Amino acid sequence: ASQAAGGLTLLALAGGAAYLLRRNTTARS
């Protein structure tokens, strides 16, 4: 269970970072 929770947390952080990077790139164009 702890390994699964850690993997889901990393996946959520990566998704959030990708969203913020894309949003910042779109706003500059």
mmCIF file of all heavy atoms, coordinates in Angstrom:
data_MODEL
# 
_entry.id   MODEL 
# 
loop_
_atom_site.group_PDB 
_atom_site.id 
_atom_site.type_symbol 
_atom_site.label_atom_id 
_atom_site.label_alt_id 
_atom_site.label_comp_id 
_atom_site.label_asym_id 
_atom_site.label_entity_id 
_atom_site.label_seq_id 
_atom_site.pdbx_PDB_ins_code 
_atom_site.Cartn_x 
_atom_site.Cartn_y 
_atom_site.Cartn_z 
_atom_site.occupancy 
_atom_site.B_iso_or_equiv 
_atom_site.pdbx_formal_charge 
_atom_site.auth_seq_id 
_atom_site.auth_comp_id 
_atom_site.auth_asym_id 
_atom_site.auth_atom_id 
_atom_site.pdbx_PDB_model_num 
ATOM 1   N N   . ALA A 1 1  ? 0.819  -1.220 0.000   1.00 0.00 ? 1  ALA A N   1 
ATOM 2   C CA  . ALA A 1 1  ? 0.000  0.000  0.000   1.00 0.00 ? 1  ALA A CA  1 
ATOM 3   C C   . ALA A 1 1  ? 0.851  1.268  0.000   1.00 0.00 ? 1  ALA A C   1 
ATOM 4   O O   . ALA A 1 1  ? 0.537  2.241  -0.693  1.00 0.00 ? 1  ALA A O   1 
ATOM 5   C CB  . ALA A 1 1  ? -0.933 -0.007 1.202   1.00 0.00 ? 1  ALA A CB  1 
ATOM 6   N N   . SER A 1 2  ? 1.946  1.296  0.759   1.00 0.00 ? 2  SER A N   1 
ATOM 7   C CA  . SER A 1 2  ? 2.769  2.507  0.803   1.00 0.00 ? 2  SER A CA  1 
ATOM 8   C C   . SER A 1 2  ? 3.462  2.757  -0.535  1.00 0.00 ? 2  SER A C   1 
ATOM 9   O O   . SER A 1 2  ? 3.613  3.909  -0.959  1.00 0.00 ? 2  SER A O   1 
ATOM 10  C CB  . SER A 1 2  ? 3.795  2.421  1.936   1.00 0.00 ? 2  SER A CB  1 
ATOM 11  O OG  . SER A 1 2  ? 4.679  1.352  1.720   1.00 0.00 ? 2  SER A OG  1 
ATOM 12  N N   . GLN A 1 3  ? 3.874  1.694  -1.223  1.00 0.00 ? 3  GLN A N   1 
ATOM 13  C CA  . GLN A 1 3  ? 4.488  1.863  -2.540  1.00 0.00 ? 3  GLN A CA  1 
ATOM 14  C C   . GLN A 1 3  ? 3.465  2.379  -3.542  1.00 0.00 ? 3  GLN A C   1 
ATOM 15  O O   . GLN A 1 3  ? 3.771  3.239  -4.369  1.00 0.00 ? 3  GLN A O   1 
ATOM 16  C CB  . GLN A 1 3  ? 5.079  0.541  -3.022  1.00 0.00 ? 3  GLN A CB  1 
ATOM 17  C CG  . GLN A 1 3  ? 6.293  0.096  -2.231  1.00 0.00 ? 3  GLN A CG  1 
ATOM 18  C CD  . GLN A 1 3  ? 6.710  -1.310 -2.587  1.00 0.00 ? 3  GLN A CD  1 
ATOM 19  O OE1 . GLN A 1 3  ? 5.883  -2.156 -2.903  1.00 0.00 ? 3  GLN A OE1 1 
ATOM 20  N NE2 . GLN A 1 3  ? 8.009  -1.570 -2.517  1.00 0.00 ? 3  GLN A NE2 1 
ATOM 21  N N   . ALA A 1 4  ? 2.245  1.864  -3.487  1.00 0.00 ? 4  ALA A N   1 
ATOM 22  C CA  . ALA A 1 4  ? 1.192  2.331  -4.394  1.00 0.00 ? 4  ALA A CA  1 
ATOM 23  C C   . ALA A 1 4  ? 0.862  3.794  -4.135  1.00 0.00 ? 4  ALA A C   1 
ATOM 24  O O   . ALA A 1 4  ? 0.705  4.586  -5.067  1.00 0.00 ? 4  ALA A O   1 
ATOM 25  C CB  . ALA A 1 4  ? -0.059 1.472  -4.233  1.00 0.00 ? 4  ALA A CB  1 
ATOM 26  N N   . ALA A 1 5  ? 0.770  4.188  -2.861  1.00 0.00 ? 5  ALA A N   1 
ATOM 27  C CA  . ALA A 1 5  ? 0.472  5.583  -2.521  1.00 0.00 ? 5  ALA A CA  1 
ATOM 28  C C   . ALA A 1 5  ? 1.597  6.505  -2.995  1.00 0.00 ? 5  ALA A C   1 
ATOM 29  O O   . ALA A 1 5  ? 1.341  7.591  -3.526  1.00 0.00 ? 5  ALA A O   1 
ATOM 30  C CB  . ALA A 1 5  ? 0.269  5.723  -1.015  1.00 0.00 ? 5  ALA A CB  1 
ATOM 31  N N   . GLY A 1 6  ? 2.830  6.077  -2.835  1.00 0.00 ? 6  GLY A N   1 
ATOM 32  C CA  . GLY A 1 6  ? 3.963  6.876  -3.305  1.00 0.00 ? 6  GLY A CA  1 
ATOM 33  C C   . GLY A 1 6  ? 3.940  7.042  -4.813  1.00 0.00 ? 6  GLY A C   1 
ATOM 34  O O   . GLY A 1 6  ? 4.193  8.140  -5.340  1.00 0.00 ? 6  GLY A O   1 
ATOM 35  N N   . GLY A 1 7  ? 3.630  5.988  -5.534  1.00 0.00 ? 7  GLY A N   1 
ATOM 36  C CA  . GLY A 1 7  ? 3.555  6.065  -6.993  1.00 0.00 ? 7  GLY A CA  1 
ATOM 37  C C   . GLY A 1 7  ? 2.448  6.999  -7.458  1.00 0.00 ? 7  GLY A C   1 
ATOM 38  O O   . GLY A 1 7  ? 2.641  7.795  -8.388  1.00 0.00 ? 7  GLY A O   1 
ATOM 39  N N   . LEU A 1 8  ? 1.287  6.925  -6.802  1.00 0.00 ? 8  LEU A N   1 
ATOM 40  C CA  . LEU A 1 8  ? 0.179  7.821  -7.162  1.00 0.00 ? 8  LEU A CA  1 
ATOM 41  C C   . LEU A 1 8  ? 0.518  9.280  -6.859  1.00 0.00 ? 8  LEU A C   1 
ATOM 42  O O   . LEU A 1 8  ? 0.161  10.177 -7.623  1.00 0.00 ? 8  LEU A O   1 
ATOM 43  C CB  . LEU A 1 8  ? -1.096 7.406  -6.427  1.00 0.00 ? 8  LEU A CB  1 
ATOM 44  C CG  . LEU A 1 8  ? -1.739 6.121  -6.931  1.00 0.00 ? 8  LEU A CG  1 
ATOM 45  C CD1 . LEU A 1 8  ? -2.903 5.725  -6.031  1.00 0.00 ? 8  LEU A CD1 1 
ATOM 46  C CD2 . LEU A 1 8  ? -2.206 6.264  -8.367  1.00 0.00 ? 8  LEU A CD2 1 
ATOM 47  N N   . THR A 1 9  ? 1.218  9.516  -5.757  1.00 0.00 ? 9  THR A N   1 
ATOM 48  C CA  . THR A 1 9  ? 1.629  10.876 -5.416  1.00 0.00 ? 9  THR A CA  1 
ATOM 49  C C   . THR A 1 9  ? 2.575  11.439 -6.473  1.00 0.00 ? 9  THR A C   1 
ATOM 50  O O   . THR A 1 9  ? 2.422  12.585 -6.915  1.00 0.00 ? 9  THR A O   1 
ATOM 51  C CB  . THR A 1 9  ? 2.296  10.903 -4.026  1.00 0.00 ? 9  THR A CB  1 
ATOM 52  O OG1 . THR A 1 9  ? 1.371  10.399 -3.067  1.00 0.00 ? 9  THR A OG1 1 
ATOM 53  C CG2 . THR A 1 9  ? 2.728  12.301 -3.635  1.00 0.00 ? 9  THR A CG2 1 
ATOM 54  N N   . LEU A 1 10 ? 3.561  10.631 -6.869  1.00 0.00 ? 10 LEU A N   1 
ATOM 55  C CA  . LEU A 1 10 ? 4.494  11.085 -7.906  1.00 0.00 ? 10 LEU A CA  1 
ATOM 56  C C   . LEU A 1 10 ? 3.774  11.352 -9.226  1.00 0.00 ? 10 LEU A C   1 
ATOM 57  O O   . LEU A 1 10 ? 4.073  12.325 -9.923  1.00 0.00 ? 10 LEU A O   1 
ATOM 58  C CB  . LEU A 1 10 ? 5.597  10.047 -8.115  1.00 0.00 ? 10 LEU A CB  1 
ATOM 59  C CG  . LEU A 1 10 ? 6.629  9.939  -6.993  1.00 0.00 ? 10 LEU A CG  1 
ATOM 60  C CD1 . LEU A 1 10 ? 7.567  8.782  -7.261  1.00 0.00 ? 10 LEU A CD1 1 
ATOM 61  C CD2 . LEU A 1 10 ? 7.404  11.240 -6.853  1.00 0.00 ? 10 LEU A CD2 1 
ATOM 62  N N   . LEU A 1 11 ? 2.827  10.497 -9.566  1.00 0.00 ? 11 LEU A N   1 
ATOM 63  C CA  . LEU A 1 11 ? 2.057  10.690 -10.792 1.00 0.00 ? 11 LEU A CA  1 
ATOM 64  C C   . LEU A 1 11 ? 1.252  11.989 -10.737 1.00 0.00 ? 11 LEU A C   1 
ATOM 65  O O   . LEU A 1 11 ? 1.216  12.751 -11.704 1.00 0.00 ? 11 LEU A O   1 
ATOM 66  C CB  . LEU A 1 11 ? 1.130  9.497  -11.018 1.00 0.00 ? 11 LEU A CB  1 
ATOM 67  C CG  . LEU A 1 11 ? 0.342  9.483  -12.319 1.00 0.00 ? 11 LEU A CG  1 
ATOM 68  C CD1 . LEU A 1 11 ? 1.292  9.463  -13.514 1.00 0.00 ? 11 LEU A CD1 1 
ATOM 69  C CD2 . LEU A 1 11 ? -0.574 8.275  -12.358 1.00 0.00 ? 11 LEU A CD2 1 
ATOM 70  N N   . ALA A 1 12 ? 0.626  12.281 -9.588  1.00 0.00 ? 12 ALA A N   1 
ATOM 71  C CA  . ALA A 1 12 ? -0.142 13.522 -9.432  1.00 0.00 ? 12 ALA A CA  1 
ATOM 72  C C   . ALA A 1 12 ? 0.763  14.741 -9.515  1.00 0.00 ? 12 ALA A C   1 
ATOM 73  O O   . ALA A 1 12 ? 0.412  15.752 -10.149 1.00 0.00 ? 12 ALA A O   1 
ATOM 74  C CB  . ALA A 1 12 ? -0.895 13.503 -8.105  1.00 0.00 ? 12 ALA A CB  1 
ATOM 75  N N   . LEU A 1 13 ? 1.935  14.683 -8.897  1.00 0.00 ? 13 LEU A N   1 
ATOM 76  C CA  . LEU A 1 13 ? 2.882  15.805 -8.965  1.00 0.00 ? 13 LEU A CA  1 
ATOM 77  C C   . LEU A 1 13 ? 3.366  16.038 -10.399 1.00 0.00 ? 13 LEU A C   1 
ATOM 78  O O   . LEU A 1 13 ? 3.474  17.187 -10.846 1.00 0.00 ? 13 LEU A O   1 
ATOM 79  C CB  . LEU A 1 13 ? 4.073  15.551 -8.042  1.00 0.00 ? 13 LEU A CB  1 
ATOM 80  C CG  . LEU A 1 13 ? 3.791  15.668 -6.547  1.00 0.00 ? 13 LEU A CG  1 
ATOM 81  C CD1 . LEU A 1 13 ? 5.004  15.200 -5.752  1.00 0.00 ? 13 LEU A CD1 1 
ATOM 82  C CD2 . LEU A 1 13 ? 3.414  17.090 -6.179  1.00 0.00 ? 13 LEU A CD2 1 
ATOM 83  N N   . ALA A 1 14 ? 3.667  14.964 -11.113 1.00 0.00 ? 14 ALA A N   1 
ATOM 84  C CA  . ALA A 1 14 ? 4.114  15.098 -12.500 1.00 0.00 ? 14 ALA A CA  1 
ATOM 85  C C   . ALA A 1 14 ? 3.012  15.698 -13.363 1.00 0.00 ? 14 ALA A C   1 
ATOM 86  O O   . ALA A 1 14 ? 3.261  16.567 -14.210 1.00 0.00 ? 14 ALA A O   1 
ATOM 87  C CB  . ALA A 1 14 ? 4.545  13.743 -13.051 1.00 0.00 ? 14 ALA A CB  1 
ATOM 88  N N   . GLY A 1 15 ? 1.765  15.254 -13.147 1.00 0.00 ? 15 GLY A N   1 
ATOM 89  C CA  . GLY A 1 15 ? 0.645  15.807 -13.907 1.00 0.00 ? 15 GLY A CA  1 
ATOM 90  C C   . GLY A 1 15 ? 0.434  17.283 -13.612 1.00 0.00 ? 15 GLY A C   1 
ATOM 91  O O   . GLY A 1 15 ? 0.196  18.088 -14.516 1.00 0.00 ? 15 GLY A O   1 
ATOM 92  N N   . GLY A 1 16 ? 0.543  17.661 -12.336 1.00 0.00 ? 16 GLY A N   1 
ATOM 93  C CA  . GLY A 1 16 ? 0.399  19.069 -11.957 1.00 0.00 ? 16 GLY A CA  1 
ATOM 94  C C   . GLY A 1 16 ? 1.499  19.927 -12.543 1.00 0.00 ? 16 GLY A C   1 
ATOM 95  O O   . GLY A 1 16 ? 1.253  21.041 -13.038 1.00 0.00 ? 16 GLY A O   1 
ATOM 96  N N   . ALA A 1 17 ? 2.725  19.435 -12.525 1.00 0.00 ? 17 ALA A N   1 
ATOM 97  C CA  . ALA A 1 17 ? 3.847  20.180 -13.085 1.00 0.00 ? 17 ALA A CA  1 
ATOM 98  C C   . ALA A 1 17 ? 3.680  20.348 -14.598 1.00 0.00 ? 17 ALA A C   1 
ATOM 99  O O   . ALA A 1 17 ? 3.930  21.441 -15.146 1.00 0.00 ? 17 ALA A O   1 
ATOM 100 C CB  . ALA A 1 17 ? 5.162  19.462 -12.781 1.00 0.00 ? 17 ALA A CB  1 
ATOM 101 N N   . ALA A 1 18 ? 3.249  19.295 -15.286 1.00 0.00 ? 18 ALA A N   1 
ATOM 102 C CA  . ALA A 1 18 ? 3.031  19.386 -16.736 1.00 0.00 ? 18 ALA A CA  1 
ATOM 103 C C   . ALA A 1 18 ? 1.940  20.410 -17.052 1.00 0.00 ? 18 ALA A C   1 
ATOM 104 O O   . ALA A 1 18 ? 2.068  21.205 -17.998 1.00 0.00 ? 18 ALA A O   1 
ATOM 105 C CB  . ALA A 1 18 ? 2.656  18.015 -17.301 1.00 0.00 ? 18 ALA A CB  1 
ATOM 106 N N   . TYR A 1 19 ? 0.876  20.430 -16.263 1.00 0.00 ? 19 TYR A N   1 
ATOM 107 C CA  . TYR A 1 19 ? -0.208 21.391 -16.472 1.00 0.00 ? 19 TYR A CA  1 
ATOM 108 C C   . TYR A 1 19 ? 0.299  22.825 -16.291 1.00 0.00 ? 19 TYR A C   1 
ATOM 109 O O   . TYR A 1 19 ? 0.025  23.706 -17.119 1.00 0.00 ? 19 TYR A O   1 
ATOM 110 C CB  . TYR A 1 19 ? -1.355 21.106 -15.494 1.00 0.00 ? 19 TYR A CB  1 
ATOM 111 C CG  . TYR A 1 19 ? -2.422 22.162 -15.512 1.00 0.00 ? 19 TYR A CG  1 
ATOM 112 C CD1 . TYR A 1 19 ? -3.356 22.214 -16.539 1.00 0.00 ? 19 TYR A CD1 1 
ATOM 113 C CD2 . TYR A 1 19 ? -2.495 23.116 -14.506 1.00 0.00 ? 19 TYR A CD2 1 
ATOM 114 C CE1 . TYR A 1 19 ? -4.335 23.189 -16.571 1.00 0.00 ? 19 TYR A CE1 1 
ATOM 115 C CE2 . TYR A 1 19 ? -3.472 24.094 -14.516 1.00 0.00 ? 19 TYR A CE2 1 
ATOM 116 C CZ  . TYR A 1 19 ? -4.395 24.129 -15.545 1.00 0.00 ? 19 TYR A CZ  1 
ATOM 117 O OH  . TYR A 1 19 ? -5.359 25.100 -15.560 1.00 0.00 ? 19 TYR A OH  1 
ATOM 118 N N   . LEU A 1 20 ? 1.048  23.069 -15.208 1.00 0.00 ? 20 LEU A N   1 
ATOM 119 C CA  . LEU A 1 20 ? 1.555  24.428 -14.950 1.00 0.00 ? 20 LEU A CA  1 
ATOM 120 C C   . LEU A 1 20 ? 2.542  24.879 -16.028 1.00 0.00 ? 20 LEU A C   1 
ATOM 121 O O   . LEU A 1 20 ? 2.519  26.038 -16.456 1.00 0.00 ? 20 LEU A O   1 
ATOM 122 C CB  . LEU A 1 20 ? 2.204  24.496 -13.571 1.00 0.00 ? 20 LEU A CB  1 
ATOM 123 C CG  . LEU A 1 20 ? 1.243  24.403 -12.384 1.00 0.00 ? 20 LEU A CG  1 
ATOM 124 C CD1 . LEU A 1 20 ? 2.029  24.341 -11.085 1.00 0.00 ? 20 LEU A CD1 1 
ATOM 125 C CD2 . LEU A 1 20 ? 0.276  25.575 -12.379 1.00 0.00 ? 20 LEU A CD2 1 
ATOM 126 N N   . LEU A 1 21 ? 3.438  23.978 -16.452 1.00 0.00 ? 21 LEU A N   1 
ATOM 127 C CA  . LEU A 1 21 ? 4.391  24.329 -17.504 1.00 0.00 ? 21 LEU A CA  1 
ATOM 128 C C   . LEU A 1 21 ? 3.681  24.641 -18.807 1.00 0.00 ? 21 LEU A C   1 
ATOM 129 O O   . LEU A 1 21 ? 4.017  25.606 -19.497 1.00 0.00 ? 21 LEU A O   1 
ATOM 130 C CB  . LEU A 1 21 ? 5.400  23.206 -17.715 1.00 0.00 ? 21 LEU A CB  1 
ATOM 131 C CG  . LEU A 1 21 ? 6.446  23.050 -16.611 1.00 0.00 ? 21 LEU A CG  1 
ATOM 132 C CD1 . LEU A 1 21 ? 7.283  21.802 -16.844 1.00 0.00 ? 21 LEU A CD1 1 
ATOM 133 C CD2 . LEU A 1 21 ? 7.349  24.284 -16.558 1.00 0.00 ? 21 LEU A CD2 1 
ATOM 134 N N   . ARG A 1 22 ? 2.702  23.874 -19.166 1.00 0.00 ? 22 ARG A N   1 
ATOM 135 C CA  . ARG A 1 22 ? 1.934  24.109 -20.404 1.00 0.00 ? 22 ARG A CA  1 
ATOM 136 C C   . ARG A 1 22 ? 1.178  25.418 -20.312 1.00 0.00 ? 22 ARG A C   1 
ATOM 137 O O   . ARG A 1 22 ? 1.106  26.173 -21.276 1.00 0.00 ? 22 ARG A O   1 
ATOM 138 C CB  . ARG A 1 22 ? 1.001  22.948 -20.666 1.00 0.00 ? 22 ARG A CB  1 
ATOM 139 C CG  . ARG A 1 22 ? 0.232  23.098 -21.940 1.00 0.00 ? 22 ARG A CG  1 
ATOM 140 C CD  . ARG A 1 22 ? -0.392 21.766 -22.310 1.00 0.00 ? 22 ARG A CD  1 
ATOM 141 N NE  . ARG A 1 22 ? -1.299 21.897 -23.401 1.00 0.00 ? 22 ARG A NE  1 
ATOM 142 C CZ  . ARG A 1 22 ? -0.964 21.855 -24.682 1.00 0.00 ? 22 ARG A CZ  1 
ATOM 143 N NH1 . ARG A 1 22 ? 0.293  21.659 -25.020 1.00 0.00 ? 22 ARG A NH1 1 
ATOM 144 N NH2 . ARG A 1 22 ? -1.852 21.992 -25.630 1.00 0.00 ? 22 ARG A NH2 1 
ATOM 145 N N   . ARG A 1 23 ? 0.588  25.684 -19.144 1.00 0.00 ? 23 ARG A N   1 
ATOM 146 C CA  . ARG A 1 23 ? -0.189 26.924 -18.964 1.00 0.00 ? 23 ARG A CA  1 
ATOM 147 C C   . ARG A 1 23 ? 0.723  28.130 -19.060 1.00 0.00 ? 23 ARG A C   1 
ATOM 148 O O   . ARG A 1 23 ? 0.377  29.130 -19.703 1.00 0.00 ? 23 ARG A O   1 
ATOM 149 C CB  . ARG A 1 23 ? -0.854 26.868 -17.582 1.00 0.00 ? 23 ARG A CB  1 
ATOM 150 C CG  . ARG A 1 23 ? -1.840 27.965 -17.382 1.00 0.00 ? 23 ARG A CG  1 
ATOM 151 C CD  . ARG A 1 23 ? -2.564 27.777 -16.077 1.00 0.00 ? 23 ARG A CD  1 
ATOM 152 N NE  . ARG A 1 23 ? -2.549 29.063 -15.415 1.00 0.00 ? 23 ARG A NE  1 
ATOM 153 C CZ  . ARG A 1 23 ? -2.666 29.260 -14.147 1.00 0.00 ? 23 ARG A CZ  1 
ATOM 154 N NH1 . ARG A 1 23 ? -2.783 28.255 -13.337 1.00 0.00 ? 23 ARG A NH1 1 
ATOM 155 N NH2 . ARG A 1 23 ? -2.655 30.474 -13.663 1.00 0.00 ? 23 ARG A NH2 1 
ATOM 156 N N   . ASN A 1 24 ? 1.910  28.062 -18.473 1.00 0.00 ? 24 ASN A N   1 
ATOM 157 C CA  . ASN A 1 24 ? 2.852  29.184 -18.545 1.00 0.00 ? 24 ASN A CA  1 
ATOM 158 C C   . ASN A 1 24 ? 3.357  29.400 -19.962 1.00 0.00 ? 24 ASN A C   1 
ATOM 159 O O   . ASN A 1 24 ? 3.551  30.522 -20.396 1.00 0.00 ? 24 ASN A O   1 
ATOM 160 C CB  . ASN A 1 24 ? 4.028  28.960 -17.583 1.00 0.00 ? 24 ASN A CB  1 
ATOM 161 C CG  . ASN A 1 24 ? 3.624  29.150 -16.138 1.00 0.00 ? 24 ASN A CG  1 
ATOM 162 O OD1 . ASN A 1 24 ? 2.603  29.800 -15.852 1.00 0.00 ? 24 ASN A OD1 1 
ATOM 163 N ND2 . ASN A 1 24 ? 4.408  28.616 -15.234 1.00 0.00 ? 24 ASN A ND2 1 
ATOM 164 N N   . THR A 1 25 ? 3.590  28.338 -20.708 1.00 0.00 ? 25 THR A N   1 
ATOM 165 C CA  . THR A 1 25 ? 4.063  28.432 -22.087 1.00 0.00 ? 25 THR A CA  1 
ATOM 166 C C   . THR A 1 25 ? 2.985  29.039 -22.967 1.00 0.00 ? 25 THR A C   1 
ATOM 167 O O   . THR A 1 25 ? 3.272  29.896 -23.820 1.00 0.00 ? 25 THR A O   1 
ATOM 168 C CB  . THR A 1 25 ? 4.474  27.041 -22.615 1.00 0.00 ? 25 THR A CB  1 
ATOM 169 O OG1 . THR A 1 25 ? 5.420  26.481 -21.721 1.00 0.00 ? 25 THR A OG1 1 
ATOM 170 C CG2 . THR A 1 25 ? 5.064  27.130 -23.985 1.00 0.00 ? 25 THR A CG2 1 
ATOM 171 N N   . THR A 1 26 ? 1.745  28.660 -22.778 1.00 0.00 ? 26 THR A N   1 
ATOM 172 C CA  . THR A 1 26 ? 0.622  29.176 -23.570 1.00 0.00 ? 26 THR A CA  1 
ATOM 173 C C   . THR A 1 26 ? 0.396  30.645 -23.277 1.00 0.00 ? 26 THR A C   1 
ATOM 174 O O   . THR A 1 26 ? 0.077  31.442 -24.168 1.00 0.00 ? 26 THR A O   1 
ATOM 175 C CB  . THR A 1 26 ? -0.667 28.384 -23.283 1.00 0.00 ? 26 THR A CB  1 
ATOM 176 O OG1 . THR A 1 26 ? -0.375 26.991 -23.473 1.00 0.00 ? 26 THR A OG1 1 
ATOM 177 C CG2 . THR A 1 26 ? -1.796 28.781 -24.189 1.00 0.00 ? 26 THR A CG2 1 
ATOM 178 N N   . ALA A 1 27 ? 0.542  31.069 -22.034 1.00 0.00 ? 27 ALA A N   1 
ATOM 179 C CA  . ALA A 1 27 ? 0.309  32.461 -21.649 1.00 0.00 ? 27 ALA A CA  1 
ATOM 180 C C   . ALA A 1 27 ? 1.353  33.399 -22.272 1.00 0.00 ? 27 ALA A C   1 
ATOM 181 O O   . ALA A 1 27 ? 1.056  34.565 -22.557 1.00 0.00 ? 27 ALA A O   1 
ATOM 182 C CB  . ALA A 1 27 ? 0.332  32.594 -20.122 1.00 0.00 ? 27 ALA A CB  1 
ATOM 183 N N   . ARG A 1 28 ? 2.559  32.956 -22.521 1.00 0.00 ? 28 ARG A N   1 
ATOM 184 C CA  . ARG A 1 28 ? 3.623  33.793 -23.094 1.00 0.00 ? 28 ARG A CA  1 
ATOM 185 C C   . ARG A 1 28 ? 3.461  33.983 -24.579 1.00 0.00 ? 28 ARG A C   1 
ATOM 186 O O   . ARG A 1 28 ? 3.974  34.919 -25.152 1.00 0.00 ? 28 ARG A O   1 
ATOM 187 C CB  . ARG A 1 28 ? 4.974  33.149 -22.826 1.00 0.00 ? 28 ARG A CB  1 
ATOM 188 C CG  . ARG A 1 28 ? 5.365  33.208 -21.381 1.00 0.00 ? 28 ARG A CG  1 
ATOM 189 C CD  . ARG A 1 28 ? 6.760  32.663 -21.200 1.00 0.00 ? 28 ARG A CD  1 
ATOM 190 N NE  . ARG A 1 28 ? 7.004  32.413 -19.770 1.00 0.00 ? 28 ARG A NE  1 
ATOM 191 C CZ  . ARG A 1 28 ? 7.891  31.612 -19.315 1.00 0.00 ? 28 ARG A CZ  1 
ATOM 192 N NH1 . ARG A 1 28 ? 8.669  30.947 -20.142 1.00 0.00 ? 28 ARG A NH1 1 
ATOM 193 N NH2 . ARG A 1 28 ? 8.056  31.462 -18.040 1.00 0.00 ? 28 ARG A NH2 1 
ATOM 194 N N   . SER A 1 29 ? 2.766  33.067 -25.247 1.00 0.00 ? 29 SER A N   1 
ATOM 195 C CA  . SER A 1 29 ? 2.647  33.155 -26.709 1.00 0.00 ? 29 SER A CA  1 
ATOM 196 C C   . SER A 1 29 ? 1.711  34.221 -27.156 1.00 0.00 ? 29 SER A C   1 
ATOM 197 O O   . SER A 1 29 ? 0.881  34.747 -26.620 1.00 0.00 ? 29 SER A O   1 
ATOM 198 C CB  . SER A 1 29 ? 2.170  31.834 -27.285 1.00 0.00 ? 29 SER A CB  1 
ATOM 199 O OG  . SER A 1 29 ? 3.103  30.818 -26.980 1.00 0.00 ? 29 SER A OG  1 
# 
